[in-house]
C-alpha atoms as a PDB file:
ATOM      1  CA  MET A   1     121.880  84.967  90.616  1.00  0.00           C
ATOM      2  CA  SER A   2     119.511  84.664  88.236  1.00  0.00           C
ATOM      3  CA  GLU A   3     118.739  87.540  86.016  1.00  0.00           C
ATOM      4  CA  LEU A   4     115.830  89.146  86.438  1.00  0.00           C
ATOM      5  CA  LYS A   5     112.776  88.544  83.780  1.00  0.00           C
ATOM      6  CA  PRO A   6     109.837  91.043  82.672  1.00  0.00           C
ATOM      7  CA  CYS A   7     106.843  91.324  84.346  1.00  0.00           C
ATOM      8  CA  PRO A   8     104.914  88.137  83.726  1.00  0.00           C
ATOM      9  CA  PHE A   9     101.541  90.057  83.849  1.00  0.00           C
ATOM     10  CA  CYS A  10     102.271  93.298  81.172  1.00  0.00           C
ATOM     11  CA  GLY A  11     105.362  92.285  79.948  1.00  0.00           C
ATOM     12  CA  SER A  12     107.478  95.562  81.342  1.00  0.00           C
ATOM     13  CA  GLU A  13     110.928  95.514  82.876  1.00  0.00           C
ATOM     14  CA  ALA A  14     110.763  94.686  86.393  1.00  0.00           C
ATOM     15  CA  PHE A  15     113.292  96.261  89.130  1.00  0.00           C
ATOM     16  CA  GLU A  16     114.340  95.608  92.610  1.00  0.00           C
ATOM     17  CA  ASP A  17     112.488  97.690  95.409  1.00  0.00           C
ATOM     18  CA  ILE A  18     114.736  97.107  97.843  1.00  0.00           C
ATOM     19  CA  TRP A  19     115.720  99.049 100.854  1.00  0.00           C
ATOM     20  CA  GLU A  20     117.517  99.197 104.501  1.00  0.00           C
ATOM     21  CA  ASN A  21     115.267 100.369 107.171  1.00  0.00           C
ATOM     22  CA  LYS A  22     116.797 102.209 110.258  1.00  0.00           C
ATOM     23  CA  PHE A  23     117.340  99.123 112.207  1.00  0.00           C
ATOM     24  CA  GLY A  24     119.779  98.024 109.223  1.00  0.00           C
ATOM     25  CA  VAL A  25     117.701  95.107 108.047  1.00  0.00           C
ATOM     26  CA  PHE A  26     116.862  95.207 103.987  1.00  0.00           C
ATOM     27  CA  GLU A  27     113.216  94.897 103.188  1.00  0.00           C
ATOM     28  CA  GLY A  28     110.931  95.240  99.963  1.00  0.00           C
ATOM     29  CA  SER A  29     110.241  93.114  96.847  1.00  0.00           C
ATOM     30  CA  ILE A  30     110.570  92.744  93.068  1.00  0.00           C
ATOM     31  CA  ALA A  31     107.818  94.874  91.657  1.00  0.00           C
ATOM     32  CA  CYS A  32     106.568  96.530  88.245  1.00  0.00           C
ATOM     33  CA  ASP A  33     105.145  99.632  87.258  1.00  0.00           C
ATOM     34  CA  CYS A  34     101.869  98.155  86.802  1.00  0.00           C
ATOM     35  CA  GLY A  35     101.382  97.186  90.539  1.00  0.00           C
ATOM     36  CA  ALA A  36     102.656  93.775  90.414  1.00  0.00           C
ATOM     37  CA  ARG A  37     104.939  92.705  93.385  1.00  0.00           C
ATOM     38  CA  SER A  38     106.395  89.581  94.638  1.00  0.00           C
ATOM     39  CA  GLU A  39     106.201  88.345  97.919  1.00  0.00           C
ATOM     40  CA  ASP A  40     108.498  90.063 100.157  1.00  0.00           C
ATOM     41  CA  LEU A  41     112.530  89.679 101.435  1.00  0.00           C
ATOM     42  CA  GLU A  42     112.835  86.779 104.195  1.00  0.00           C
ATOM     43  CA  GLU A  43     114.532  89.437 106.396  1.00  0.00           C
ATOM     44  CA  ASP A  44     115.989  86.360 108.649  1.00  0.00           C
ATOM     45  CA  MET A  45     118.371  85.504 105.844  1.00  0.00           C
ATOM     46  CA  PRO A  46     121.375  86.545 103.992  1.00  0.00           C
ATOM     47  CA  LEU A  47     120.508  89.698 101.584  1.00  0.00           C
ATOM     48  CA  ASN A  48     121.833  87.763  98.491  1.00  0.00           C
ATOM     49  CA  GLU A  49     120.355  84.280  99.427  1.00  0.00           C
ATOM     50  CA  ALA A  50     116.726  86.243  99.887  1.00  0.00           C
ATOM     51  CA  LYS A  51     117.049  87.912  96.686  1.00  0.00           C
ATOM     52  CA  ALA A  52     117.625  84.402  94.719  1.00  0.00           C
ATOM     53  CA  ILE A  53     114.662  82.992  96.365  1.00  0.00           C
ATOM     54  CA  ILE A  54     111.834  85.865  95.311  1.00  0.00           C
ATOM     55  CA  ILE A  55     113.696  86.274  91.783  1.00  0.00           C
ATOM     56  CA  GLU A  56     113.478  83.060  91.407  1.00  0.00           C
ATOM     57  CA  LYS A  57     109.566  83.047  92.417  1.00  0.00           C
ATOM     58  CA  TRP A  58     109.434  86.024  90.083  1.00  0.00           C
ATOM     59  CA  ASN A  59     110.937  84.367  87.092  1.00  0.00           C
ATOM     60  CA  THR A  60     108.663  81.476  87.230  1.00  0.00           C
ATOM     61  CA  ARG A  61     105.334  83.360  87.944  1.00  0.00           C
ATOM     62  CA  THR A  62     102.934  82.597  85.241  1.00  0.00           C
ATOM     63  CA  SER A  63     100.864  85.676  83.902  1.00  0.00           C
ATOM     64  CA  PRO A  64      97.106  85.482  84.561  1.00  0.00           C
ATOM     65  CA  GLU A  65      94.465  84.338  81.415  1.00  0.00           C
ATOM     66  CA  VAL A  66      93.855  87.534  78.773  1.00  0.00           C
ATOM     67  CA  GLY A  67      90.848  86.627  76.716  1.00  0.00           C
ATOM     68  CA  GLU A  68      89.302  89.313  76.017  1.00  0.00           C
ATOM     69  CA  LYS A  69      89.437  91.772  78.980  1.00  0.00           C
ATOM     70  CA  SER A  70      90.407  95.341  77.982  1.00  0.00           C
ATOM     71  CA  PRO A  71      93.485  97.103  79.394  1.00  0.00           C
ATOM     72  CA  GLU A  72      91.192  98.534  82.268  1.00  0.00           C
ATOM     73  CA  GLU A  73      89.619  95.349  83.122  1.00  0.00           C
ATOM     74  CA  LEU A  74      93.351  93.822  83.235  1.00  0.00           C
ATOM     75  CA  LEU A  75      94.375  97.065  85.367  1.00  0.00           C
ATOM     76  CA  LYS A  76      91.681  96.504  87.828  1.00  0.00           C
ATOM     77  CA  SER A  77      92.601  92.570  88.167  1.00  0.00           C
ATOM     78  CA  ILE A  78      96.399  93.350  89.116  1.00  0.00           C
ATOM     79  CA  THR A  79      95.678  96.816  91.272  1.00  0.00           C
ATOM     80  CA  GLY A  80      91.817  96.760  92.098  1.00  0.00           C
ATOM     81  CA  LEU A  81      91.557 100.161  90.313  1.00  0.00           C
ATOM     82  CA  SER A  82      90.108 100.299  87.057  1.00  0.00           C
ATOM     83  CA  SER A  83      91.686 103.755  85.608  1.00  0.00           C
ATOM     84  CA  GLU A  84      93.683 106.373  86.693  1.00  0.00           C
ATOM     85  CA  TYR A  85      90.617 108.499  87.493  1.00  0.00           C
ATOM     86  CA  GLU A  86      89.868 105.909  90.113  1.00  0.00           C
ATOM     87  CA  ILE A  87      93.419 106.439  91.659  1.00  0.00           C
ATOM     88  CA  ASN A  88      92.977 109.950  92.043  1.00  0.00           C
ATOM     89  CA  VAL A  89      89.528 110.024  93.543  1.00  0.00           C
ATOM     90  CA  ILE A  90      91.160 107.543  96.261  1.00  0.00           C
ATOM     91  CA  PHE A  91      93.821 110.250  96.499  1.00  0.00           C
ATOM     92  CA  ARG A  92      91.671 113.202  97.196  1.00  0.00           C
ATOM     93  CA  LYS A  93      89.549 111.476  99.572  1.00  0.00           C
ATOM     94  CA  VAL A  94      92.573 110.341 101.747  1.00  0.00           C
ATOM     95  CA  MET A  95      93.734 114.157 101.400  1.00  0.00           C
ATOM     96  CA  ALA A  96      90.269 115.638 102.283  1.00  0.00           C
ATOM     97  CA  LYS A  97      90.397 113.755 105.375  1.00  0.00           C
ATOM     98  CA  GLN A  98      93.610 114.470 106.352  1.00  0.00           C
ATOM     99  CA  ARG A  99      92.367 118.310 106.103  1.00  0.00           C
ATOM    100  CA  GLN A 100      89.505 117.827 108.064  1.00  0.00           C
ATOM    101  CA  ILE A 101      91.687 116.159 110.906  1.00  0.00           C
ATOM    102  CA  ILE A 102      94.223 118.545 110.871  1.00  0.00           C
ATOM    103  CA  GLN A 103      91.933 121.822 110.748  1.00  0.00           C
ATOM    104  CA  SER A 104      90.147 120.123 114.104  1.00  0.00           C
ATOM    105  CA  GLN A 105      93.499 119.745 115.831  1.00  0.00           C
ATOM    106  CA  GLN A 106      94.578 122.769 115.089  1.00  0.00           C
ATOM    107  CA  ALA A 107      91.024 124.446 116.524  1.00  0.00           C
ATOM    108  CA  GLU A 108      91.236 122.567 119.728  1.00  0.00           C
ATOM    109  CA  ILE A 109      95.056 123.639 119.914  1.00  0.00           C
ATOM    110  CA  GLU A 110      94.049 127.029 119.429  1.00  0.00           C
ATOM    111  CA  GLN A 111      91.103 127.176 122.111  1.00  0.00           C
ATOM    112  CA  TRP A 112      93.652 125.537 124.578  1.00  0.00           C
ATOM    113  CA  LYS A 113      96.252 128.258 124.402  1.00  0.00           C
ATOM    114  CA  ALA A 114      93.118 130.939 124.438  1.00  0.00           C
ATOM    115  CA  ASN A 115      91.614 129.094 127.527  1.00  0.00           C
ATOM    116  CA  HIS A 116      95.084 128.825 129.596  1.00  0.00           C
ATOM    117  CA  ALA A 117      96.610 132.025 128.951  1.00  0.00           C
ATOM    118  CA  ASP A 118      96.103 133.035 132.182  1.00  0.00           C
ATOM    119  CA  VAL A 119      97.141 130.007 133.376  1.00  0.00           C
ATOM    120  CA  VAL A 120     100.708 130.647 131.564  1.00  0.00           C
ATOM    121  CA  ALA A 121     100.774 134.112 133.397  1.00  0.00           C
ATOM    122  CA  ARG A 122      99.904 133.298 136.708  1.00  0.00           C
ATOM    123  CA  ASN A 123     102.566 130.475 136.130  1.00  0.00           C
ATOM    124  CA  ARG A 124     105.513 133.117 135.100  1.00  0.00           C
ATOM    125  CA  ILE A 125     104.535 135.119 138.184  1.00  0.00           C
ATOM    126  CA  LEU A 126     104.608 132.164 140.600  1.00  0.00           C
ATOM    127  CA  SER A 127     107.494 130.475 139.727  1.00  0.00           C
ATOM    128  CA  GLN A 128     109.401 133.673 140.114  1.00  0.00           C
ATOM    129  CA  ARG A 129     108.664 133.417 144.004  1.00  0.00           C
ATOM    130  CA  GLU A 130     111.033 130.930 145.949  1.00  0.00           C
ATOM    131  CA  ASP A 131     108.936 130.872 148.673  1.00  0.00           C
ATOM    132  CA  LEU A 132     106.522 128.920 146.691  1.00  0.00           C
ATOM    133  CA  PRO A 133     106.988 125.100 145.614  1.00  0.00           C
ATOM    134  CA  VAL A 134     106.286 125.545 141.932  1.00  0.00           C
ATOM    135  CA  ASP A 135     105.718 121.811 141.271  1.00  0.00           C
ATOM    136  CA  ARG A 136     102.700 121.638 143.646  1.00  0.00           C
ATOM    137  CA  LEU A 137     101.016 125.073 142.479  1.00  0.00           C
ATOM    138  CA  PRO A 138      97.867 124.277 140.545  1.00  0.00           C
ATOM    139  CA  ALA A 139      98.372 126.643 137.806  1.00  0.00           C
ATOM    140  CA  HIS A 140     101.654 124.966 137.111  1.00  0.00           C
ATOM    141  CA  LYS A 141      99.926 121.517 137.049  1.00  0.00           C
ATOM    142  CA  GLU A 142      97.022 122.905 135.010  1.00  0.00           C
ATOM    143  CA  LEU A 143      99.399 124.416 132.729  1.00  0.00           C
ATOM    144  CA  GLU A 144     101.748 121.248 132.247  1.00  0.00           C
ATOM    145  CA  ARG A 145      98.293 119.293 131.236  1.00  0.00           C
ATOM    146  CA  SER A 146      97.634 121.692 128.904  1.00  0.00           C
ATOM    147  CA  GLN A 147     101.125 121.703 127.195  1.00  0.00           C
ATOM    148  CA  ALA A 148     101.011 117.934 127.262  1.00  0.00           C
ATOM    149  CA  ARG A 149      97.741 118.120 125.337  1.00  0.00           C
ATOM    150  CA  VAL A 150      98.883 120.602 122.616  1.00  0.00           C
ATOM    151  CA  LYS A 151     101.820 118.204 121.859  1.00  0.00           C
ATOM    152  CA  GLU A 152      99.730 115.551 121.803  1.00  0.00           C
ATOM    153  CA  LEU A 153      97.524 117.124 119.012  1.00  0.00           C
ATOM    154  CA  GLU A 154     100.919 118.349 117.279  1.00  0.00           C
ATOM    155  CA  GLY A 155     102.103 114.881 117.125  1.00  0.00           C
ATOM    156  CA  VAL A 156      98.858 113.780 115.272  1.00  0.00           C
ATOM    157  CA  ILE A 157      99.361 116.947 112.552  1.00  0.00           C
ATOM    158  CA  ALA A 158     103.273 115.581 112.266  1.00  0.00           C
ATOM    159  CA  ASP A 159     102.151 112.152 111.587  1.00  0.00           C
ATOM    160  CA  LEU A 160      99.748 113.195 109.238  1.00  0.00           C
ATOM    161  CA  GLU A 161     102.140 115.371 107.228  1.00  0.00           C
ATOM    162  CA  SER A 162     104.262 112.278 107.389  1.00  0.00           C
ATOM    163  CA  ASP A 163     101.419 110.239 105.618  1.00  0.00           C
ATOM    164  CA  MET A 164     101.053 112.932 102.920  1.00  0.00           C
ATOM    165  CA  GLU A 165     104.588 112.522 101.998  1.00  0.00           C
ATOM    166  CA  LYS A 166     103.827 109.016 101.277  1.00  0.00           C
ATOM    167  CA  ILE A 167     100.907 110.030  98.809  1.00  0.00           C
ATOM    168  CA  PHE A 168     103.201 112.792  97.308  1.00  0.00           C
ATOM    169  CA  ASN A 169     105.748 109.947  96.239  1.00  0.00           C
ATOM    170  CA  HIS A 170     102.827 107.888  95.081  1.00  0.00           C
ATOM    171  CA  THR A 171     101.233 110.638  92.830  1.00  0.00           C
ATOM    172  CA  CYS A 172     104.847 110.610  91.048  1.00  0.00           C
ATOM    173  CA  ASN A 173     104.081 107.298  89.536  1.00  0.00           C
ATOM    174  CA  TYR A 174      99.489 107.294  89.608  1.00  0.00           C
ATOM    175  CA  GLY A 175      98.116 110.471  90.354  1.00  0.00           C
ATOM    176  CA  LYS A 176      97.673 113.747  88.142  1.00  0.00           C
ATOM    177  CA  ASN A 177      96.478 116.965  88.644  1.00  0.00           C
ATOM    178  CA  LEU A 178      96.693 116.303  92.416  1.00  0.00           C
ATOM    179  CA  GLY A 179      99.392 118.739  92.813  1.00  0.00           C
ATOM    180  CA  HIS A 180      96.688 121.595  94.068  1.00  0.00           C
ATOM    181  CA  HIS A 181      95.073 119.283  96.523  1.00  0.00           C
ATOM    182  CA  LEU A 182      98.347 117.980  98.011  1.00  0.00           C
ATOM    183  CA  TYR A 183     100.157 121.606  97.953  1.00  0.00           C
ATOM    184  CA  GLN A 184      96.673 122.793  99.875  1.00  0.00           C
ATOM    185  CA  CYS A 185      96.570 119.853 102.769  1.00  0.00           C
ATOM    186  CA  ARG A 186     100.485 119.943 103.442  1.00  0.00           C
ATOM    187  CA  LYS A 187     100.323 124.276 103.809  1.00  0.00           C
ATOM    188  CA  ILE A 188      97.703 123.701 106.452  1.00  0.00           C
ATOM    189  CA  ALA A 189      99.965 120.870 108.271  1.00  0.00           C
ATOM    190  CA  GLY A 190     102.992 123.687 107.880  1.00  0.00           C
ATOM    191  CA  THR A 191     100.596 126.507 109.253  1.00  0.00           C
ATOM    192  CA  ALA A 192      99.182 124.513 112.107  1.00  0.00           C
ATOM    193  CA  LEU A 193     102.777 122.998 113.287  1.00  0.00           C
ATOM    194  CA  TYR A 194     105.211 126.017 112.613  1.00  0.00           C
ATOM    195  CA  GLY A 195     102.992 128.969 111.542  1.00  0.00           C
ATOM    196  CA  ILE A 196     104.458 129.100 108.285  1.00  0.00           C
ATOM    197  CA  ASP A 197     103.027 127.761 104.917  1.00  0.00           C
ATOM    198  CA  GLU A 198     104.238 125.056 102.951  1.00  0.00           C
ATOM    199  CA  PRO A 199     105.982 126.663  99.942  1.00  0.00           C
ATOM    200  CA  ALA A 200     103.873 125.957  96.434  1.00  0.00           C
ATOM    201  CA  PRO A 201     105.316 123.959  94.106  1.00  0.00           C
ATOM    202  CA  GLU A 202     106.289 125.049  90.686  1.00  0.00           C
ATOM    203  CA  GLY A 203     103.751 125.655  88.055  1.00  0.00           C
ATOM    204  CA  GLU A 204     100.481 125.636  91.049  1.00  0.00           C
END
C-alpha cells in the first residue's frame, strides 16, 4: 500500500479517518485538519483494497491555484468558512435552536403530566379492581396515550443530546469559547430527561 502523502491543499500531515460501524462495515476517508477529505471508502470492497484506492487518489490529487489569496480566503475555499469566528457562530446558532426545541418539548411533557395527574390516580385505583377489564377502561387508554406522547418527546430530546455530543467533538478541533454555551444546552437536556444537571466542565 502506498505511503500517505501530505495534504495537497495545506501541506500538513494527512491521516486515515476510518472506523468500523455497528454493522461491522468500515467507513471513512483520508482527511486533514484543514478540512480537506478524500472520497469515502467503498463499503463493498475488502478494507485494504478500498484503502489503497482512496490513498492513491489522495496522493495524486492536485492542489488549487493559490495566487494572491490570503490565508482566510484559502480557508474559505477549502472549508466554506472564512474564519474560526464563523465556525463559532454556526455552532452557537445550532445550539440555540436545540435549546429552544428542548425547552419546548420539556414544557409539553410537564403540561401532559400536570393535566393527566388525575388520570394516573384513577387508573391506579381502577386497575386494582378485578371485576373491571383494565384494558378497556377509558382512563387506562387515556393514560397510555399520555405516556406514549411523553416517550415520543423524550426521544426527541435524547436525539438532540446526541447531536450536541457531536458538536462537542467538533469544538475540540474548531471552536473555542464554546464550552459555556454547550454546557448550558446539555444541562437543559439532562434536566429534561433525567431530572439531573449535566456536570459543568472544568474551568467553566
